């Protein structure tokens, strides 16, 4: 990979390193939501939700459409959940390996 490609990958992982952004992606997994709905669902302040949604939108992870005075956000590429599943699988395996060190019977 080129230096530019590695930098782009690094930026994507940096975007995904923020727990609040992951919470927003998780909330949007099943259906599109407005900012107000995301504020309630994620128990975050409106300014924080808007800031994080802007970052997710800038990185093409969410898309938005205006509905009257509201803006509804949705996942732009469901592939993001495949990536999250890979990471969750690794964390689960690492946890199981660590547990086996202390409890070999597991």
N, C-alpha and C. Protein backbone atom coordinates (compact mmCIF):
# COMPACT_ATOMS: atom_id res chain seq x y z
N UNK A 1 0.84 -1.18 0.00
CA UNK A 1 0.00 0.00 0.00
C UNK A 1 0.88 1.25 0.00
N UNK A 2 0.37 2.26 -0.60
CA UNK A 2 1.10 3.53 -0.64
C UNK A 2 0.95 4.26 0.70
N UNK A 3 1.78 5.25 0.87
CA UNK A 3 1.69 6.08 2.09
C UNK A 3 0.34 6.76 2.19
N UNK A 4 -0.20 7.21 1.05
CA UNK A 4 -1.51 7.87 1.05
C UNK A 4 -2.62 6.90 1.45
N UNK A 5 -2.53 5.66 0.96
CA UNK A 5 -3.54 4.66 1.32
C UNK A 5 -3.46 4.33 2.81
N UNK A 6 -2.26 4.17 3.32
CA UNK A 6 -2.09 3.90 4.75
C UNK A 6 -2.62 5.06 5.59
N UNK A 7 -2.41 6.28 5.14
CA UNK A 7 -2.91 7.45 5.87
C UNK A 7 -4.44 7.47 5.87
N UNK A 8 -5.06 7.11 4.75
CA UNK A 8 -6.52 7.07 4.68
C UNK A 8 -7.08 6.01 5.62
N UNK A 9 -6.44 4.86 5.68
CA UNK A 9 -6.88 3.79 6.59
C UNK A 9 -6.73 4.25 8.03
N UNK A 10 -5.63 4.90 8.32
CA UNK A 10 -5.40 5.41 9.67
C UNK A 10 -6.47 6.42 10.08
N UNK A 11 -6.85 7.30 9.15
CA UNK A 11 -7.90 8.30 9.45
C UNK A 11 -9.23 7.62 9.75
N UNK A 12 -9.55 6.57 8.99
CA UNK A 12 -10.80 5.86 9.23
C UNK A 12 -10.79 5.22 10.62
N UNK A 13 -9.69 4.56 10.97
CA UNK A 13 -9.61 3.96 12.31
C UNK A 13 -9.64 5.02 13.40
N UNK A 14 -9.09 6.19 13.14
CA UNK A 14 -9.15 7.28 14.12
C UNK A 14 -10.59 7.72 14.33
N UNK A 15 -11.36 7.81 13.25
CA UNK A 15 -12.78 8.16 13.36
C UNK A 15 -13.51 7.12 14.21
N UNK A 16 -13.18 5.86 13.99
CA UNK A 16 -13.87 4.78 14.71
C UNK A 16 -13.34 4.56 16.12
N UNK A 17 -12.30 5.29 16.51
CA UNK A 17 -11.73 5.11 17.85
C UNK A 17 -12.50 5.86 18.93
N UNK A 18 -13.48 6.66 18.54
CA UNK A 18 -14.27 7.46 19.49
C UNK A 18 -15.53 6.67 19.88
N UNK A 19 -15.67 6.30 21.16
CA UNK A 19 -16.84 5.52 21.59
C UNK A 19 -18.19 6.17 21.27
N UNK A 20 -18.26 7.49 21.33
CA UNK A 20 -19.53 8.16 21.01
C UNK A 20 -19.93 7.93 19.56
N UNK A 21 -18.96 7.92 18.68
CA UNK A 21 -19.27 7.68 17.26
C UNK A 21 -19.72 6.24 17.05
N UNK A 22 -19.10 5.32 17.76
CA UNK A 22 -19.53 3.92 17.67
C UNK A 22 -20.95 3.76 18.20
N UNK A 23 -21.28 4.48 19.25
CA UNK A 23 -22.64 4.43 19.80
C UNK A 23 -23.64 4.94 18.78
N UNK A 24 -23.29 6.01 18.08
CA UNK A 24 -24.19 6.55 17.05
C UNK A 24 -24.37 5.56 15.90
N UNK A 25 -23.28 4.94 15.47
CA UNK A 25 -23.38 3.93 14.41
C UNK A 25 -24.26 2.77 14.86
N UNK A 26 -24.08 2.34 16.09
CA UNK A 26 -24.89 1.24 16.64
C UNK A 26 -26.37 1.64 16.67
N UNK A 27 -26.64 2.86 17.06
CA UNK A 27 -28.03 3.32 17.13
C UNK A 27 -28.66 3.34 15.74
N UNK A 28 -27.86 3.64 14.73
CA UNK A 28 -28.38 3.73 13.37
C UNK A 28 -28.43 2.37 12.66
N UNK A 29 -27.96 1.35 13.32
CA UNK A 29 -27.87 0.02 12.69
C UNK A 29 -29.22 -0.47 12.17
N UNK A 30 -30.27 -0.29 12.94
CA UNK A 30 -31.56 -0.87 12.55
C UNK A 30 -32.45 0.06 11.74
N UNK A 31 -32.27 1.37 11.90
CA UNK A 31 -33.12 2.28 11.13
C UNK A 31 -32.56 3.70 11.17
N UNK A 32 -32.93 4.52 10.18
CA UNK A 32 -32.53 5.93 10.20
C UNK A 32 -33.17 6.66 11.38
N UNK A 33 -32.45 7.64 11.92
CA UNK A 33 -32.94 8.41 13.06
C UNK A 33 -32.61 9.88 12.88
N UNK A 34 -33.40 10.72 13.52
CA UNK A 34 -33.12 12.16 13.54
C UNK A 34 -32.10 12.45 14.64
N UNK A 35 -31.58 13.65 14.61
CA UNK A 35 -30.64 14.06 15.65
C UNK A 35 -31.31 13.97 17.02
N UNK A 36 -32.54 14.43 17.12
CA UNK A 36 -33.27 14.36 18.41
C UNK A 36 -33.41 12.93 18.90
N UNK A 37 -33.73 12.02 17.99
CA UNK A 37 -33.86 10.60 18.37
C UNK A 37 -32.51 10.04 18.80
N UNK A 38 -31.44 10.44 18.13
CA UNK A 38 -30.10 9.97 18.50
C UNK A 38 -29.68 10.53 19.85
N UNK A 39 -30.03 11.79 20.12
CA UNK A 39 -29.73 12.39 21.43
C UNK A 39 -30.36 11.55 22.53
N UNK A 40 -31.62 11.20 22.34
CA UNK A 40 -32.34 10.41 23.34
C UNK A 40 -31.79 8.99 23.43
N UNK A 41 -31.60 8.36 22.29
CA UNK A 41 -31.16 6.97 22.24
C UNK A 41 -29.78 6.80 22.86
N UNK A 42 -28.87 7.73 22.57
CA UNK A 42 -27.48 7.61 23.02
C UNK A 42 -27.19 8.36 24.31
N UNK A 43 -28.20 9.08 24.82
CA UNK A 43 -28.04 9.87 26.06
C UNK A 43 -26.83 10.80 25.97
N UNK A 44 -26.81 11.56 24.86
CA UNK A 44 -25.74 12.52 24.62
C UNK A 44 -26.36 13.89 24.41
N UNK A 45 -25.56 14.91 24.55
CA UNK A 45 -26.03 16.27 24.29
C UNK A 45 -26.13 16.49 22.78
N UNK A 46 -27.07 17.34 22.39
CA UNK A 46 -27.32 17.60 20.97
C UNK A 46 -26.08 18.10 20.25
N UNK A 47 -25.31 18.97 20.89
CA UNK A 47 -24.11 19.52 20.25
C UNK A 47 -23.09 18.41 19.97
N UNK A 48 -22.95 17.47 20.91
CA UNK A 48 -22.01 16.36 20.72
C UNK A 48 -22.48 15.43 19.61
N UNK A 49 -23.78 15.13 19.60
CA UNK A 49 -24.32 14.27 18.54
C UNK A 49 -24.07 14.91 17.18
N UNK A 50 -24.38 16.18 17.06
CA UNK A 50 -24.19 16.88 15.78
C UNK A 50 -22.73 16.89 15.35
N UNK A 51 -21.84 17.14 16.30
CA UNK A 51 -20.40 17.17 16.00
C UNK A 51 -19.92 15.81 15.49
N UNK A 52 -20.31 14.75 16.19
CA UNK A 52 -19.87 13.41 15.80
C UNK A 52 -20.52 12.96 14.49
N UNK A 53 -21.77 13.33 14.28
CA UNK A 53 -22.42 13.00 13.01
C UNK A 53 -21.72 13.69 11.84
N UNK A 54 -21.26 14.90 12.05
CA UNK A 54 -20.53 15.61 10.99
C UNK A 54 -19.25 14.87 10.62
N UNK A 55 -18.55 14.37 11.61
CA UNK A 55 -17.32 13.60 11.35
C UNK A 55 -17.66 12.31 10.60
N UNK A 56 -18.69 11.60 11.07
CA UNK A 56 -19.10 10.36 10.40
C UNK A 56 -19.54 10.64 8.97
N UNK A 57 -20.22 11.75 8.76
CA UNK A 57 -20.68 12.12 7.42
C UNK A 57 -19.48 12.47 6.53
N UNK A 58 -18.54 13.21 7.06
CA UNK A 58 -17.35 13.60 6.30
C UNK A 58 -16.54 12.39 5.84
N UNK A 59 -16.64 11.29 6.60
CA UNK A 59 -15.91 10.07 6.26
C UNK A 59 -16.80 9.03 5.57
N UNK A 60 -17.97 9.48 5.10
CA UNK A 60 -18.89 8.65 4.30
C UNK A 60 -19.39 7.41 5.05
N UNK A 61 -19.51 7.52 6.37
CA UNK A 61 -20.04 6.42 7.16
C UNK A 61 -21.54 6.56 7.39
N UNK A 62 -22.03 7.81 7.38
CA UNK A 62 -23.47 8.05 7.45
C UNK A 62 -23.85 9.01 6.34
N UNK A 63 -25.12 8.94 5.96
CA UNK A 63 -25.67 9.92 5.01
C UNK A 63 -26.89 10.54 5.66
N UNK A 64 -27.30 11.67 5.13
CA UNK A 64 -28.40 12.40 5.76
C UNK A 64 -29.36 12.90 4.69
N UNK A 65 -30.61 13.08 5.13
CA UNK A 65 -31.60 13.69 4.24
C UNK A 65 -32.52 14.55 5.09
N UNK A 66 -32.87 15.67 4.53
CA UNK A 66 -33.74 16.62 5.23
C UNK A 66 -35.18 16.17 5.11
N UNK A 67 -35.90 16.23 6.23
CA UNK A 67 -37.33 15.96 6.28
C UNK A 67 -37.98 17.12 7.03
N UNK A 68 -38.44 18.11 6.30
CA UNK A 68 -39.01 19.30 6.93
C UNK A 68 -37.92 20.05 7.68
N UNK A 69 -38.10 20.22 8.98
CA UNK A 69 -37.10 20.92 9.78
C UNK A 69 -36.09 19.96 10.39
N UNK A 70 -36.30 18.66 10.23
CA UNK A 70 -35.41 17.66 10.79
C UNK A 70 -34.46 17.11 9.73
N UNK A 71 -33.38 16.53 10.20
CA UNK A 71 -32.45 15.81 9.34
C UNK A 71 -32.39 14.38 9.85
N UNK A 72 -32.60 13.44 8.95
CA UNK A 72 -32.57 12.02 9.31
C UNK A 72 -31.25 11.42 8.81
N UNK A 73 -30.56 10.73 9.72
CA UNK A 73 -29.28 10.10 9.40
C UNK A 73 -29.47 8.60 9.26
N UNK A 74 -28.65 8.02 8.38
CA UNK A 74 -28.67 6.57 8.22
C UNK A 74 -27.27 6.10 7.83
N UNK A 75 -27.04 4.82 7.96
CA UNK A 75 -25.75 4.24 7.61
C UNK A 75 -25.55 4.38 6.10
N UNK A 76 -24.39 4.85 5.70
CA UNK A 76 -24.09 5.03 4.28
C UNK A 76 -23.59 3.73 3.65
N UNK A 77 -22.86 2.93 4.43
CA UNK A 77 -22.30 1.68 3.92
C UNK A 77 -22.35 0.65 5.03
N UNK A 78 -23.25 -0.34 4.92
CA UNK A 78 -23.39 -1.34 5.98
C UNK A 78 -22.12 -2.17 6.20
N UNK A 79 -21.15 -2.07 5.30
CA UNK A 79 -19.89 -2.77 5.47
C UNK A 79 -19.23 -2.43 6.80
N UNK A 80 -19.54 -1.26 7.34
CA UNK A 80 -18.93 -0.85 8.60
C UNK A 80 -19.22 -1.85 9.71
N UNK A 81 -20.38 -2.50 9.63
CA UNK A 81 -20.73 -3.48 10.65
C UNK A 81 -19.95 -4.78 10.48
N UNK A 82 -19.54 -5.10 9.28
CA UNK A 82 -18.66 -6.25 9.05
C UNK A 82 -17.31 -5.98 9.72
N UNK A 83 -16.81 -4.76 9.56
CA UNK A 83 -15.56 -4.39 10.21
C UNK A 83 -15.69 -4.46 11.73
N UNK A 84 -16.79 -3.95 12.26
CA UNK A 84 -17.02 -4.00 13.71
C UNK A 84 -17.11 -5.44 14.20
N UNK A 85 -17.76 -6.31 13.42
CA UNK A 85 -17.85 -7.72 13.81
C UNK A 85 -16.48 -8.38 13.84
N UNK A 86 -15.61 -8.04 12.90
CA UNK A 86 -14.25 -8.57 12.92
C UNK A 86 -13.52 -8.14 14.18
N UNK A 87 -13.63 -6.86 14.52
CA UNK A 87 -12.96 -6.34 15.71
C UNK A 87 -13.53 -7.00 16.97
N UNK A 88 -14.86 -7.13 17.04
CA UNK A 88 -15.49 -7.77 18.20
C UNK A 88 -15.03 -9.22 18.33
N UNK A 89 -14.90 -9.91 17.20
CA UNK A 89 -14.41 -11.29 17.23
C UNK A 89 -13.00 -11.39 17.76
N UNK A 90 -12.15 -10.46 17.37
CA UNK A 90 -10.78 -10.45 17.88
C UNK A 90 -10.76 -10.19 19.38
N UNK A 91 -11.54 -9.22 19.82
CA UNK A 91 -11.59 -8.92 21.25
C UNK A 91 -12.08 -10.13 22.04
N UNK A 92 -13.08 -10.82 21.52
CA UNK A 92 -13.62 -12.01 22.19
C UNK A 92 -12.55 -13.10 22.28
N UNK A 93 -11.82 -13.33 21.18
CA UNK A 93 -10.76 -14.35 21.19
C UNK A 93 -9.66 -13.97 22.16
N UNK A 94 -9.26 -12.69 22.16
CA UNK A 94 -8.22 -12.24 23.07
C UNK A 94 -8.64 -12.42 24.53
N UNK A 95 -9.90 -12.11 24.81
CA UNK A 95 -10.43 -12.26 26.17
C UNK A 95 -10.44 -13.73 26.58
N UNK A 96 -10.85 -14.60 25.67
CA UNK A 96 -10.87 -16.03 25.96
C UNK A 96 -9.47 -16.57 26.21
N UNK A 97 -8.50 -16.11 25.44
CA UNK A 97 -7.11 -16.55 25.63
C UNK A 97 -6.59 -16.07 26.98
N UNK A 98 -6.88 -14.83 27.32
CA UNK A 98 -6.43 -14.29 28.61
C UNK A 98 -7.09 -15.04 29.76
N UNK A 99 -8.38 -15.34 29.62
CA UNK A 99 -9.09 -16.07 30.68
C UNK A 99 -8.52 -17.48 30.84
N UNK A 100 -8.13 -18.09 29.73
CA UNK A 100 -7.59 -19.45 29.78
C UNK A 100 -6.26 -19.50 30.53
N UNK A 101 -5.53 -18.41 30.53
CA UNK A 101 -4.27 -18.36 31.27
C UNK A 101 -4.52 -18.49 32.77
N UNK A 102 -5.62 -17.91 33.24
CA UNK A 102 -5.92 -17.92 34.67
C UNK A 102 -6.87 -19.04 35.07
N UNK A 103 -7.63 -19.55 34.10
CA UNK A 103 -8.59 -20.62 34.34
C UNK A 103 -8.46 -21.65 33.22
N UNK A 104 -7.42 -22.49 33.27
CA UNK A 104 -7.18 -23.42 32.17
C UNK A 104 -8.36 -24.37 31.88
N UNK A 105 -9.24 -24.56 32.83
CA UNK A 105 -10.38 -25.46 32.62
C UNK A 105 -11.44 -24.87 31.70
N UNK A 106 -11.35 -23.58 31.39
CA UNK A 106 -12.34 -22.91 30.52
C UNK A 106 -12.13 -23.34 29.08
